[in-house]
Amino acid sequence: MMQLYWSPRSRSFTTLWLMEETGQPYERVLIDISTGAQKSPDYLAINPMGKVPALRDGAATLAEAAAICAYVAERVPDAKLAPAVGDPDRAKYLQWLFFAPSCIEPALIQVYTKLDVPPSTAAWGSAQQVFDVLEAALAKGPWLLGDAFSAADIAIGSGLNYAVRLFKMVPSRPAFDRYLDACAARPAFQRAETIIAG
C-alpha cells in the first residue's frame, strides 16, 4: 500500500486530492511540520529537502507534488488520471502538470513579494502572463484536456484554489471561477479538504 507523507498547512492538499481520486486505499503518514518532524533523520531519508508531501511505494520513494501526480497516475491506470503514452493529449497533460510548479508557484512568489523581475529573465515570464495563459486554456474547459479530467487538473486546480480562493493573492476571473467550482464539486476534492481540516 502506498504511504503518503503529509501535513496540514502545506502543499499536501494536491497529493491528498490525487490519492482520493484514485479510489485506492493508501496510508496517510502525518509529518507535523509545526514541530520540525520533517527534519528528522528518518524523514530526511525519504525526502532530503525536508518538505511534504512525499510518497513511499514499496522500495520507491519520491517527493514533489507534480512528480507524485505523474507517478501515481501511471501506477493506478484504472483511475484514468493521465492519457496513455502515445495519446496526443499526453503532451498537453505533461505541459500542464509541470506548469503548476514551474510557472504558477514562482508567479505567486512574485505576486506575494512584489518582486520586480524582468519577464525576459524570469523562467515563468511574468505573473500576468502566467494567469493570462491559464485563463485562455481554462476558457475552453471544462478541464485542461477538454472533457477529460486528469492529474494535471489536480496540480493546477490546487495551485489556483490556493491563489484565488484561499489566500486571494490573484483576482478571480470567470474562467477561474467556473473551473474552481468544478474542482470543488468533485467528491475527492471534498474528501481531501476534510482531511486537511482535520
N, C-alpha and C. Protein backbone atom coordinates (compact mmCIF):
# COMPACT_ATOMS: atom_id res chain seq x y z
N MET A 1 0.84 -1.19 0.00
CA MET A 1 0.00 0.00 0.00
C MET A 1 0.88 1.25 0.00
N MET A 2 0.54 2.22 -0.82
CA MET A 2 1.31 3.46 -0.86
C MET A 2 1.12 4.24 0.44
N GLN A 3 2.20 4.91 0.84
CA GLN A 3 2.16 5.76 2.03
C GLN A 3 2.39 7.20 1.59
N LEU A 4 1.48 8.07 1.96
CA LEU A 4 1.60 9.49 1.64
C LEU A 4 1.99 10.25 2.90
N TYR A 5 3.12 10.91 2.86
CA TYR A 5 3.60 11.73 3.96
C TYR A 5 3.07 13.14 3.74
N TRP A 6 2.36 13.66 4.73
CA TRP A 6 1.65 14.92 4.52
C TRP A 6 1.60 15.70 5.82
N SER A 7 1.15 16.94 5.71
CA SER A 7 0.92 17.79 6.87
C SER A 7 -0.13 18.83 6.51
N PRO A 8 -0.99 19.18 7.47
CA PRO A 8 -1.88 20.32 7.23
C PRO A 8 -1.04 21.58 7.03
N ARG A 9 -1.64 22.62 6.48
CA ARG A 9 -0.97 23.90 6.26
C ARG A 9 0.29 23.72 5.40
N SER A 10 0.14 22.93 4.36
CA SER A 10 1.28 22.67 3.46
C SER A 10 0.74 22.41 2.06
N ARG A 11 1.65 22.07 1.17
CA ARG A 11 1.26 21.75 -0.21
C ARG A 11 0.72 20.33 -0.34
N SER A 12 0.47 19.68 0.78
CA SER A 12 0.00 18.30 0.74
C SER A 12 -1.38 18.14 0.12
N PHE A 13 -2.16 19.22 0.06
CA PHE A 13 -3.52 19.09 -0.47
C PHE A 13 -3.52 18.46 -1.86
N THR A 14 -2.59 18.87 -2.70
CA THR A 14 -2.53 18.34 -4.07
C THR A 14 -2.49 16.82 -4.06
N THR A 15 -1.62 16.26 -3.25
CA THR A 15 -1.45 14.81 -3.27
C THR A 15 -2.55 14.09 -2.50
N LEU A 16 -3.12 14.73 -1.50
CA LEU A 16 -4.29 14.12 -0.84
C LEU A 16 -5.43 14.01 -1.84
N TRP A 17 -5.68 15.08 -2.59
CA TRP A 17 -6.73 15.06 -3.61
C TRP A 17 -6.43 13.97 -4.63
N LEU A 18 -5.17 13.92 -5.08
CA LEU A 18 -4.76 12.89 -6.04
C LEU A 18 -5.08 11.49 -5.53
N MET A 19 -4.64 11.19 -4.32
CA MET A 19 -4.84 9.85 -3.78
C MET A 19 -6.31 9.53 -3.62
N GLU A 20 -7.09 10.52 -3.25
CA GLU A 20 -8.54 10.31 -3.13
C GLU A 20 -9.17 10.05 -4.50
N GLU A 21 -8.67 10.67 -5.54
CA GLU A 21 -9.19 10.45 -6.88
C GLU A 21 -8.92 9.03 -7.38
N THR A 22 -7.86 8.40 -6.90
CA THR A 22 -7.54 7.05 -7.38
C THR A 22 -8.58 6.03 -6.94
N GLY A 23 -9.23 6.29 -5.81
CA GLY A 23 -10.17 5.32 -5.27
C GLY A 23 -9.49 4.11 -4.64
N GLN A 24 -8.17 4.16 -4.52
CA GLN A 24 -7.41 3.05 -3.96
C GLN A 24 -7.04 3.35 -2.50
N PRO A 25 -6.94 2.30 -1.67
CA PRO A 25 -6.51 2.54 -0.29
C PRO A 25 -5.06 3.02 -0.26
N TYR A 26 -4.77 3.88 0.67
CA TYR A 26 -3.41 4.36 0.89
C TYR A 26 -3.30 4.73 2.36
N GLU A 27 -2.09 4.80 2.84
CA GLU A 27 -1.86 5.16 4.24
C GLU A 27 -1.38 6.61 4.31
N ARG A 28 -2.01 7.39 5.16
CA ARG A 28 -1.56 8.76 5.40
C ARG A 28 -0.62 8.75 6.60
N VAL A 29 0.57 9.31 6.41
CA VAL A 29 1.55 9.41 7.49
C VAL A 29 1.73 10.89 7.79
N LEU A 30 1.24 11.31 8.94
CA LEU A 30 1.31 12.72 9.32
C LEU A 30 2.73 13.10 9.71
N ILE A 31 3.25 14.14 9.08
CA ILE A 31 4.54 14.73 9.43
C ILE A 31 4.22 16.12 9.98
N ASP A 32 4.35 16.28 11.26
CA ASP A 32 3.95 17.54 11.91
C ASP A 32 5.05 18.58 11.70
N ILE A 33 4.87 19.40 10.68
CA ILE A 33 5.91 20.39 10.36
C ILE A 33 5.98 21.50 11.41
N SER A 34 4.93 21.63 12.23
CA SER A 34 4.98 22.66 13.30
C SER A 34 5.96 22.28 14.39
N THR A 35 6.32 20.99 14.48
CA THR A 35 7.28 20.54 15.49
C THR A 35 8.66 20.25 14.88
N GLY A 36 8.79 20.43 13.57
CA GLY A 36 10.07 20.17 12.91
C GLY A 36 10.27 18.70 12.55
N ALA A 37 9.20 17.91 12.56
CA ALA A 37 9.31 16.48 12.26
C ALA A 37 9.88 16.21 10.87
N GLN A 38 9.73 17.18 9.97
CA GLN A 38 10.22 17.00 8.60
C GLN A 38 11.74 17.05 8.53
N LYS A 39 12.38 17.43 9.63
CA LYS A 39 13.85 17.49 9.66
C LYS A 39 14.46 16.29 10.38
N SER A 40 13.64 15.33 10.78
CA SER A 40 14.17 14.14 11.45
C SER A 40 14.97 13.31 10.46
N PRO A 41 16.00 12.60 10.93
CA PRO A 41 16.79 11.75 10.02
C PRO A 41 15.93 10.74 9.26
N ASP A 42 14.93 10.16 9.92
CA ASP A 42 14.08 9.18 9.25
C ASP A 42 13.34 9.80 8.07
N TYR A 43 12.81 11.02 8.28
CA TYR A 43 12.07 11.65 7.19
C TYR A 43 13.01 12.18 6.11
N LEU A 44 14.16 12.69 6.51
CA LEU A 44 15.12 13.17 5.52
C LEU A 44 15.62 12.04 4.62
N ALA A 45 15.55 10.81 5.10
CA ALA A 45 15.91 9.66 4.25
C ALA A 45 14.87 9.47 3.14
N ILE A 46 13.65 9.93 3.38
CA ILE A 46 12.59 9.85 2.37
C ILE A 46 12.64 11.06 1.45
N ASN A 47 12.76 12.25 2.05
CA ASN A 47 12.86 13.48 1.26
C ASN A 47 13.97 14.35 1.86
N PRO A 48 15.15 14.35 1.26
CA PRO A 48 16.27 15.12 1.79
C PRO A 48 16.01 16.63 1.88
N MET A 49 15.00 17.11 1.15
CA MET A 49 14.65 18.53 1.23
C MET A 49 13.87 18.84 2.50
N GLY A 50 13.39 17.82 3.19
CA GLY A 50 12.65 18.04 4.43
C GLY A 50 11.33 18.76 4.21
N LYS A 51 10.65 18.44 3.11
CA LYS A 51 9.36 19.06 2.80
C LYS A 51 8.31 17.97 2.64
N VAL A 52 7.07 18.38 2.75
CA VAL A 52 5.96 17.48 2.41
C VAL A 52 5.26 18.08 1.20
N PRO A 53 4.64 17.25 0.40
CA PRO A 53 4.40 15.83 0.55
C PRO A 53 5.55 14.98 0.02
N ALA A 54 5.48 13.71 0.39
CA ALA A 54 6.37 12.69 -0.16
C ALA A 54 5.56 11.39 -0.22
N LEU A 55 6.06 10.45 -0.98
CA LEU A 55 5.33 9.20 -1.19
C LEU A 55 6.30 8.04 -1.10
N ARG A 56 5.85 6.96 -0.45
CA ARG A 56 6.60 5.71 -0.47
C ARG A 56 5.69 4.65 -1.09
N ASP A 57 6.25 3.93 -2.04
CA ASP A 57 5.53 2.84 -2.70
C ASP A 57 6.48 1.65 -2.74
N GLY A 58 6.42 0.82 -1.70
CA GLY A 58 7.38 -0.28 -1.59
C GLY A 58 8.78 0.28 -1.42
N ALA A 59 9.69 -0.09 -2.31
CA ALA A 59 11.07 0.39 -2.23
C ALA A 59 11.24 1.77 -2.85
N ALA A 60 10.25 2.25 -3.55
CA ALA A 60 10.34 3.55 -4.23
C ALA A 60 9.89 4.67 -3.31
N THR A 61 10.64 5.76 -3.29
CA THR A 61 10.23 6.98 -2.57
C THR A 61 10.42 8.15 -3.51
N LEU A 62 9.53 9.12 -3.39
CA LEU A 62 9.69 10.34 -4.18
C LEU A 62 8.99 11.49 -3.50
N ALA A 63 9.39 12.68 -3.88
CA ALA A 63 8.81 13.91 -3.37
C ALA A 63 8.45 14.79 -4.56
N GLU A 64 7.93 15.97 -4.26
CA GLU A 64 7.47 16.96 -5.23
C GLU A 64 6.09 16.56 -5.75
N ALA A 65 5.13 17.43 -5.50
CA ALA A 65 3.73 17.12 -5.79
C ALA A 65 3.49 16.73 -7.25
N ALA A 66 4.07 17.46 -8.19
CA ALA A 66 3.83 17.13 -9.60
C ALA A 66 4.43 15.77 -9.95
N ALA A 67 5.59 15.45 -9.40
CA ALA A 67 6.19 14.14 -9.64
C ALA A 67 5.33 13.04 -9.05
N ILE A 68 4.78 13.28 -7.87
CA ILE A 68 3.89 12.30 -7.25
C ILE A 68 2.64 12.12 -8.11
N CYS A 69 2.11 13.21 -8.64
CA CYS A 69 0.95 13.12 -9.53
C CYS A 69 1.27 12.24 -10.73
N ALA A 70 2.39 12.49 -11.37
CA ALA A 70 2.77 11.71 -12.56
C ALA A 70 2.96 10.24 -12.20
N TYR A 71 3.62 9.98 -11.10
CA TYR A 71 3.92 8.61 -10.67
C TYR A 71 2.63 7.84 -10.37
N VAL A 72 1.77 8.43 -9.55
CA VAL A 72 0.55 7.74 -9.13
C VAL A 72 -0.40 7.55 -10.32
N ALA A 73 -0.48 8.53 -11.20
CA ALA A 73 -1.34 8.39 -12.38
C ALA A 73 -0.92 7.19 -13.22
N GLU A 74 0.39 6.93 -13.30
CA GLU A 74 0.88 5.76 -14.05
C GLU A 74 0.70 4.47 -13.27
N ARG A 75 0.86 4.54 -11.95
CA ARG A 75 0.75 3.33 -11.12
C ARG A 75 -0.69 2.85 -10.98
N VAL A 76 -1.65 3.77 -11.13
CA VAL A 76 -3.06 3.43 -10.97
C VAL A 76 -3.79 3.81 -12.27
N PRO A 77 -3.50 3.09 -13.35
CA PRO A 77 -4.08 3.47 -14.64
C PRO A 77 -5.61 3.39 -14.68
N ASP A 78 -6.20 2.55 -13.85
CA ASP A 78 -7.67 2.44 -13.83
C ASP A 78 -8.34 3.73 -13.39
N ALA A 79 -7.60 4.60 -12.70
CA ALA A 79 -8.17 5.88 -12.26
C ALA A 79 -8.30 6.86 -13.43
N LYS A 80 -7.63 6.57 -14.54
CA LYS A 80 -7.70 7.40 -15.76
C LYS A 80 -7.33 8.86 -15.47
N LEU A 81 -6.21 9.04 -14.78
CA LEU A 81 -5.74 10.38 -14.44
C LEU A 81 -4.67 10.90 -15.39
N ALA A 82 -4.33 10.09 -16.41
CA ALA A 82 -3.33 10.52 -17.39
C ALA A 82 -3.62 9.86 -18.73
N PRO A 83 -3.46 10.60 -19.82
CA PRO A 83 -3.57 9.97 -21.14
C PRO A 83 -2.45 8.94 -21.31
N ALA A 84 -2.74 7.90 -22.03
CA ALA A 84 -1.75 6.84 -22.25
C ALA A 84 -0.57 7.36 -23.07
N VAL A 85 0.57 6.72 -22.88
CA VAL A 85 1.73 7.02 -23.72
C VAL A 85 1.32 6.78 -25.17
N GLY A 86 1.62 7.73 -26.04
CA GLY A 86 1.24 7.64 -27.44
C GLY A 86 -0.02 8.42 -27.77
N ASP A 87 -0.83 8.73 -26.75
CA ASP A 87 -2.03 9.55 -26.96
C ASP A 87 -1.57 11.00 -27.18
N PRO A 88 -2.03 11.67 -28.24
CA PRO A 88 -1.60 13.05 -28.48
C PRO A 88 -1.89 14.00 -27.31
N ASP A 89 -2.94 13.70 -26.52
CA ASP A 89 -3.26 14.56 -25.37
C ASP A 89 -2.20 14.50 -24.27
N ARG A 90 -1.35 13.46 -24.31
CA ARG A 90 -0.34 13.32 -23.27
C ARG A 90 0.64 14.50 -23.26
N ALA A 91 0.91 15.07 -24.40
CA ALA A 91 1.84 16.20 -24.47
C ALA A 91 1.31 17.38 -23.65
N LYS A 92 0.06 17.76 -23.87
CA LYS A 92 -0.52 18.87 -23.10
C LYS A 92 -0.70 18.50 -21.63
N TYR A 93 -1.02 17.24 -21.36
CA TYR A 93 -1.12 16.77 -19.98
C TYR A 93 0.19 17.03 -19.23
N LEU A 94 1.30 16.62 -19.82
CA LEU A 94 2.60 16.83 -19.18
C LEU A 94 2.92 18.32 -19.05
N GLN A 95 2.61 19.07 -20.09
CA GLN A 95 2.87 20.52 -20.03
C GLN A 95 2.14 21.15 -18.84
N TRP A 96 0.84 20.86 -18.71
CA TRP A 96 0.06 21.47 -17.63
C TRP A 96 0.44 20.92 -16.26
N LEU A 97 0.78 19.64 -16.20
CA LEU A 97 1.19 19.05 -14.93
C LEU A 97 2.40 19.79 -14.36
N PHE A 98 3.34 20.15 -15.22
CA PHE A 98 4.54 20.82 -14.74
C PHE A 98 4.45 22.34 -14.80
N PHE A 99 3.37 22.86 -15.36
CA PHE A 99 3.12 24.30 -15.33
C PHE A 99 2.88 24.76 -13.89
N ALA A 100 2.27 23.89 -13.09
CA ALA A 100 1.96 24.26 -11.69
C ALA A 100 3.23 24.64 -10.92
N PRO A 101 4.24 23.75 -10.83
CA PRO A 101 5.42 24.15 -10.06
C PRO A 101 6.37 25.09 -10.78
N SER A 102 6.39 25.04 -12.12
CA SER A 102 7.38 25.86 -12.83
C SER A 102 6.88 27.25 -13.19
N CYS A 103 5.57 27.46 -13.20
CA CYS A 103 5.04 28.78 -13.56
C CYS A 103 4.13 29.36 -12.48
N ILE A 104 3.14 28.59 -12.02
CA ILE A 104 2.21 29.14 -11.03
C ILE A 104 2.92 29.47 -9.72
N GLU A 105 3.69 28.53 -9.19
CA GLU A 105 4.34 28.80 -7.89
C GLU A 105 5.29 30.00 -7.94
N PRO A 106 6.18 30.11 -8.95
CA PRO A 106 7.02 31.31 -8.99
C PRO A 106 6.22 32.59 -9.20
N ALA A 107 5.14 32.50 -9.99
CA ALA A 107 4.30 33.68 -10.19
C ALA A 107 3.68 34.13 -8.87
N LEU A 108 3.27 33.18 -8.04
CA LEU A 108 2.69 33.53 -6.74
C LEU A 108 3.74 34.16 -5.82
N ILE A 109 4.95 33.67 -5.88
CA ILE A 109 6.03 34.29 -5.10
C ILE A 109 6.26 35.71 -5.58
N GLN A 110 6.23 35.90 -6.90
CA GLN A 110 6.39 37.24 -7.45
C GLN A 110 5.28 38.16 -6.96
N VAL A 111 4.03 37.68 -6.96
CA VAL A 111 2.89 38.49 -6.50
C VAL A 111 3.03 38.79 -5.01
N TYR A 112 3.33 37.77 -4.23
CA TYR A 112 3.38 37.92 -2.77
C TYR A 112 4.49 38.87 -2.33
N THR A 113 5.66 38.72 -2.94
CA THR A 113 6.81 39.54 -2.53
C THR A 113 6.90 40.86 -3.28
N LYS A 114 6.02 41.02 -4.28
CA LYS A 114 6.06 42.21 -5.14
C LYS A 114 7.43 42.34 -5.82
N LEU A 115 8.00 41.19 -6.11
CA LEU A 115 9.31 41.11 -6.74
C LEU A 115 9.23 41.60 -8.18
N ASP A 116 10.11 42.51 -8.53
CA ASP A 116 10.16 43.03 -9.89
C ASP A 116 11.23 42.28 -10.66
N VAL A 117 10.79 41.32 -11.46
CA VAL A 117 11.71 40.51 -12.26
C VAL A 117 11.40 40.78 -13.72
N PRO A 118 12.38 41.18 -14.51
CA PRO A 118 12.10 41.39 -15.94
C PRO A 118 11.59 40.10 -16.58
N PRO A 119 10.47 40.17 -17.30
CA PRO A 119 9.92 38.95 -17.92
C PRO A 119 10.91 38.22 -18.81
N SER A 120 11.86 38.94 -19.38
CA SER A 120 12.83 38.29 -20.26
C SER A 120 13.82 37.41 -19.50
N THR A 121 13.96 37.63 -18.19
CA THR A 121 14.90 36.82 -17.41
C THR A 121 14.20 35.85 -16.46
N ALA A 122 12.91 36.02 -16.22
CA ALA A 122 12.18 35.12 -15.34
C ALA A 122 11.75 33.88 -16.13
N ALA A 123 12.05 32.72 -15.62
CA ALA A 123 11.71 31.48 -16.32
C ALA A 123 10.21 31.35 -16.56
N TRP A 124 9.40 31.97 -15.71
CA TRP A 124 7.94 31.90 -15.84
C TRP A 124 7.37 33.07 -16.63
N GLY A 125 8.19 33.96 -17.10
CA GLY A 125 7.74 35.15 -17.84
C GLY A 125 7.34 36.23 -16.86
N SER A 126 6.05 36.31 -16.54
CA SER A 126 5.56 37.24 -15.52
C SER A 126 4.30 36.66 -14.93
N ALA A 127 3.94 37.11 -13.75
CA ALA A 127 2.71 36.63 -13.12
C ALA A 127 1.52 36.91 -14.02
N GLN A 128 1.47 38.08 -14.61
CA GLN A 128 0.36 38.43 -15.50
C GLN A 128 0.26 37.44 -16.65
N GLN A 129 1.39 37.14 -17.27
CA GLN A 129 1.39 36.21 -18.40
C GLN A 129 0.94 34.82 -17.96
N VAL A 130 1.42 34.35 -16.81
CA VAL A 130 1.06 33.02 -16.31
C VAL A 130 -0.46 32.91 -16.19
N PHE A 131 -1.08 33.89 -15.55
CA PHE A 131 -2.51 33.80 -15.31
C PHE A 131 -3.34 34.09 -16.57
N ASP A 132 -2.79 34.87 -17.49
CA ASP A 132 -3.47 35.08 -18.78
C ASP A 132 -3.47 33.78 -19.60
N VAL A 133 -2.33 33.11 -19.64
CA VAL A 133 -2.22 31.85 -20.38
C VAL A 133 -3.14 30.79 -19.77
N LEU A 134 -3.16 30.73 -18.45
CA LEU A 134 -4.02 29.76 -17.78
C LEU A 134 -5.49 30.06 -18.04
N GLU A 135 -5.86 31.34 -18.00
CA GLU A 135 -7.24 31.72 -18.27
C GLU A 135 -7.66 31.29 -19.68
N ALA A 136 -6.80 31.52 -20.65
CA ALA A 136 -7.13 31.14 -22.03
C ALA A 136 -7.32 29.63 -22.15
N ALA A 137 -6.50 28.86 -21.47
CA ALA A 137 -6.62 27.40 -21.53
C ALA A 137 -7.91 26.93 -20.85
N LEU A 138 -8.24 27.55 -19.74
CA LEU A 138 -9.42 27.12 -18.98
C LEU A 138 -10.72 27.57 -19.64
N ALA A 139 -10.66 28.60 -20.46
CA ALA A 139 -11.87 29.09 -21.12
C ALA A 139 -12.45 28.03 -22.05
N LYS A 140 -11.61 27.11 -22.52
CA LYS A 140 -12.07 26.05 -23.43
C LYS A 140 -12.82 24.97 -22.67
N GLY A 141 -12.40 24.66 -21.46
CA GLY A 141 -12.99 23.75 -20.50
C GLY A 141 -13.68 22.52 -21.04
N PRO A 142 -14.30 21.74 -20.16
CA PRO A 142 -14.38 22.03 -18.73
C PRO A 142 -13.07 21.79 -17.98
N TRP A 143 -12.19 20.94 -18.54
CA TRP A 143 -10.90 20.66 -17.91
C TRP A 143 -9.77 21.09 -18.83
N LEU A 144 -8.55 20.98 -18.38
CA LEU A 144 -7.40 21.39 -19.19
C LEU A 144 -7.30 20.59 -20.49
N LEU A 145 -7.73 19.33 -20.46
CA LEU A 145 -7.69 18.48 -21.66
C LEU A 145 -9.07 18.35 -22.28
N GLY A 146 -9.91 19.35 -22.10
CA GLY A 146 -11.26 19.30 -22.67
C GLY A 146 -12.19 18.56 -21.73
N ASP A 147 -12.76 17.45 -22.20
CA ASP A 147 -13.72 16.70 -21.39
C ASP A 147 -13.05 15.75 -20.40
N ALA A 148 -11.75 15.52 -20.54
CA ALA A 148 -11.06 14.54 -19.71
C ALA A 148 -10.37 15.20 -18.51
N PHE A 149 -10.83 14.84 -17.31
CA PHE A 149 -10.17 15.26 -16.08
C PHE A 149 -8.87 14.47 -15.95
N SER A 150 -7.81 15.11 -15.44
CA SER A 150 -6.52 14.42 -15.30
C SER A 150 -5.78 14.92 -14.07
N ALA A 151 -4.67 14.27 -13.78
CA ALA A 151 -3.81 14.70 -12.67
C ALA A 151 -3.30 16.13 -12.89
N ALA A 152 -3.24 16.58 -14.14
CA ALA A 152 -2.84 17.98 -14.39
C ALA A 152 -3.87 18.93 -13.79
N ASP A 153 -5.14 18.56 -13.82
CA ASP A 153 -6.16 19.40 -13.20
C ASP A 153 -6.00 19.43 -11.68
N ILE A 154 -5.52 18.34 -11.12
CA ILE A 154 -5.28 18.32 -9.67
C ILE A 154 -4.16 19.29 -9.34
N ALA A 155 -3.05 19.24 -10.08
CA ALA A 155 -1.92 20.13 -9.81
C ALA A 155 -2.31 21.59 -10.04
N ILE A 156 -2.95 21.87 -11.17
CA ILE A 156 -3.34 23.26 -11.49
C ILE A 156 -4.47 23.72 -10.57
N GLY A 157 -5.47 22.88 -10.39
CA GLY A 157 -6.61 23.25 -9.55
C GLY A 157 -6.21 23.56 -8.13
N SER A 158 -5.28 22.78 -7.58
CA SER A 158 -4.80 23.04 -6.22
C SER A 158 -4.12 24.39 -6.13
N GLY A 159 -3.21 24.65 -7.06
CA GLY A 159 -2.48 25.92 -7.04
C GLY A 159 -3.39 27.12 -7.25
N LEU A 160 -4.34 26.98 -8.16
CA LEU A 160 -5.25 28.08 -8.44
C LEU A 160 -6.21 28.32 -7.27
N ASN A 161 -6.67 27.24 -6.65
CA ASN A 161 -7.53 27.37 -5.48
C ASN A 161 -6.80 28.11 -4.36
N TYR A 162 -5.55 27.76 -4.16
CA TYR A 162 -4.71 28.41 -3.16
C TYR A 162 -4.58 29.90 -3.47
N ALA A 163 -4.30 30.21 -4.73
CA ALA A 163 -4.02 31.59 -5.14
C ALA A 163 -5.26 32.47 -5.14
N VAL A 164 -6.38 31.93 -5.64
CA VAL A 164 -7.57 32.74 -5.85
C VAL A 164 -8.51 32.71 -4.66
N ARG A 165 -8.78 31.52 -4.14
CA ARG A 165 -9.83 31.41 -3.12
C ARG A 165 -9.32 31.41 -1.69
N LEU A 166 -8.25 30.68 -1.43
CA LEU A 166 -7.80 30.58 -0.04
C LEU A 166 -7.08 31.84 0.43
N PHE A 167 -6.15 32.34 -0.38
CA PHE A 167 -5.33 33.47 0.04
C PHE A 167 -5.59 34.75 -0.75
N LYS A 168 -6.47 34.67 -1.75
CA LYS A 168 -6.87 35.85 -2.52
C LYS A 168 -5.66 36.67 -3.00
N MET A 169 -4.64 35.95 -3.47
CA MET A 169 -3.44 36.59 -3.98
C MET A 169 -3.61 37.01 -5.44
N VAL A 170 -4.52 36.34 -6.12
CA VAL A 170 -4.77 36.57 -7.54
C VAL A 170 -6.25 36.86 -7.71
N PRO A 171 -6.60 37.95 -8.40
CA PRO A 171 -8.02 38.24 -8.63
C PRO A 171 -8.69 37.12 -9.43
N SER A 172 -9.91 36.84 -9.06
CA SER A 172 -10.64 35.81 -9.79
C SER A 172 -11.03 36.32 -11.18
N ARG A 173 -11.30 35.37 -12.06
CA ARG A 173 -11.76 35.65 -13.41
C ARG A 173 -12.87 34.63 -13.69
N PRO A 174 -13.79 34.92 -14.61
CA PRO A 174 -14.89 33.97 -14.85
C PRO A 174 -14.41 32.55 -15.15
N ALA A 175 -13.37 32.40 -15.95
CA ALA A 175 -12.88 31.05 -16.28
C ALA A 175 -12.33 30.36 -15.03
N PHE A 176 -11.67 31.13 -14.16
CA PHE A 176 -11.15 30.56 -12.92
C PHE A 176 -12.30 30.12 -12.02
N ASP A 177 -13.32 30.96 -11.90
CA ASP A 177 -14.46 30.63 -11.04
C ASP A 177 -15.15 29.34 -11.51
N ARG A 178 -15.39 29.24 -12.81
CA ARG A 178 -16.05 28.04 -13.33
C ARG A 178 -15.21 26.80 -13.06
N TYR A 179 -13.92 26.91 -13.32
CA TYR A 179 -13.00 25.78 -13.14
C TYR A 179 -12.90 25.38 -11.67
N LEU A 180 -12.72 26.35 -10.80
CA LEU A 180 -12.59 26.04 -9.38
C LEU A 180 -13.89 25.49 -8.80
N ASP A 181 -15.02 25.95 -9.30
CA ASP A 181 -16.29 25.36 -8.88
C ASP A 181 -16.36 23.89 -9.29
N ALA A 182 -15.90 23.59 -10.50
CA ALA A 182 -15.92 22.20 -10.98
C ALA A 182 -14.96 21.34 -10.15
N CYS A 183 -13.79 21.88 -9.81
CA CYS A 183 -12.85 21.14 -8.96
C CYS A 183 -13.47 20.87 -7.60
N ALA A 184 -14.03 21.91 -6.99
CA ALA A 184 -14.58 21.80 -5.64
C ALA A 184 -15.79 20.88 -5.59
N ALA A 185 -16.45 20.66 -6.72
CA ALA A 185 -17.61 19.77 -6.76
C ALA A 185 -17.21 18.30 -6.79
N ARG A 186 -15.95 18.01 -7.04
CA ARG A 186 -15.51 16.61 -7.10
C ARG A 186 -15.47 16.02 -5.69
N PRO A 187 -16.07 14.85 -5.49
CA PRO A 187 -16.05 14.23 -4.16
C PRO A 187 -14.64 14.04 -3.60
N ALA A 188 -13.67 13.70 -4.44
CA ALA A 188 -12.30 13.50 -3.96
C ALA A 188 -11.70 14.81 -3.43
N PHE A 189 -12.00 15.92 -4.09
CA PHE A 189 -11.56 17.24 -3.61
C PHE A 189 -12.16 17.50 -2.24
N GLN A 190 -13.44 17.21 -2.08
CA GLN A 190 -14.12 17.44 -0.81
C GLN A 190 -13.55 16.58 0.30
N ARG A 191 -13.24 15.32 -0.02
CA ARG A 191 -12.64 14.44 1.00
C ARG A 191 -11.26 14.96 1.40
N ALA A 192 -10.47 15.43 0.42
CA ALA A 192 -9.15 15.98 0.74
C ALA A 192 -9.27 17.21 1.63
N GLU A 193 -10.26 18.07 1.36
CA GLU A 193 -10.48 19.24 2.22
C GLU A 193 -10.81 18.83 3.64
N THR A 194 -11.62 17.79 3.81
CA THR A 194 -11.96 17.28 5.13
C THR A 194 -10.72 16.78 5.86
N ILE A 195 -9.85 16.06 5.14
CA ILE A 195 -8.61 15.56 5.74
C ILE A 195 -7.73 16.70 6.20
N ILE A 196 -7.53 17.70 5.34
CA ILE A 196 -6.70 18.86 5.67
C ILE A 196 -7.25 19.60 6.88
N ALA A 197 -8.58 19.72 6.93
CA ALA A 197 -9.21 20.47 8.03
C ALA A 197 -9.09 19.71 9.34
N GLY A 198 -8.82 18.41 9.27
CA GLY A 198 -8.63 17.61 10.46
C GLY A 198 -9.91 17.23 11.10
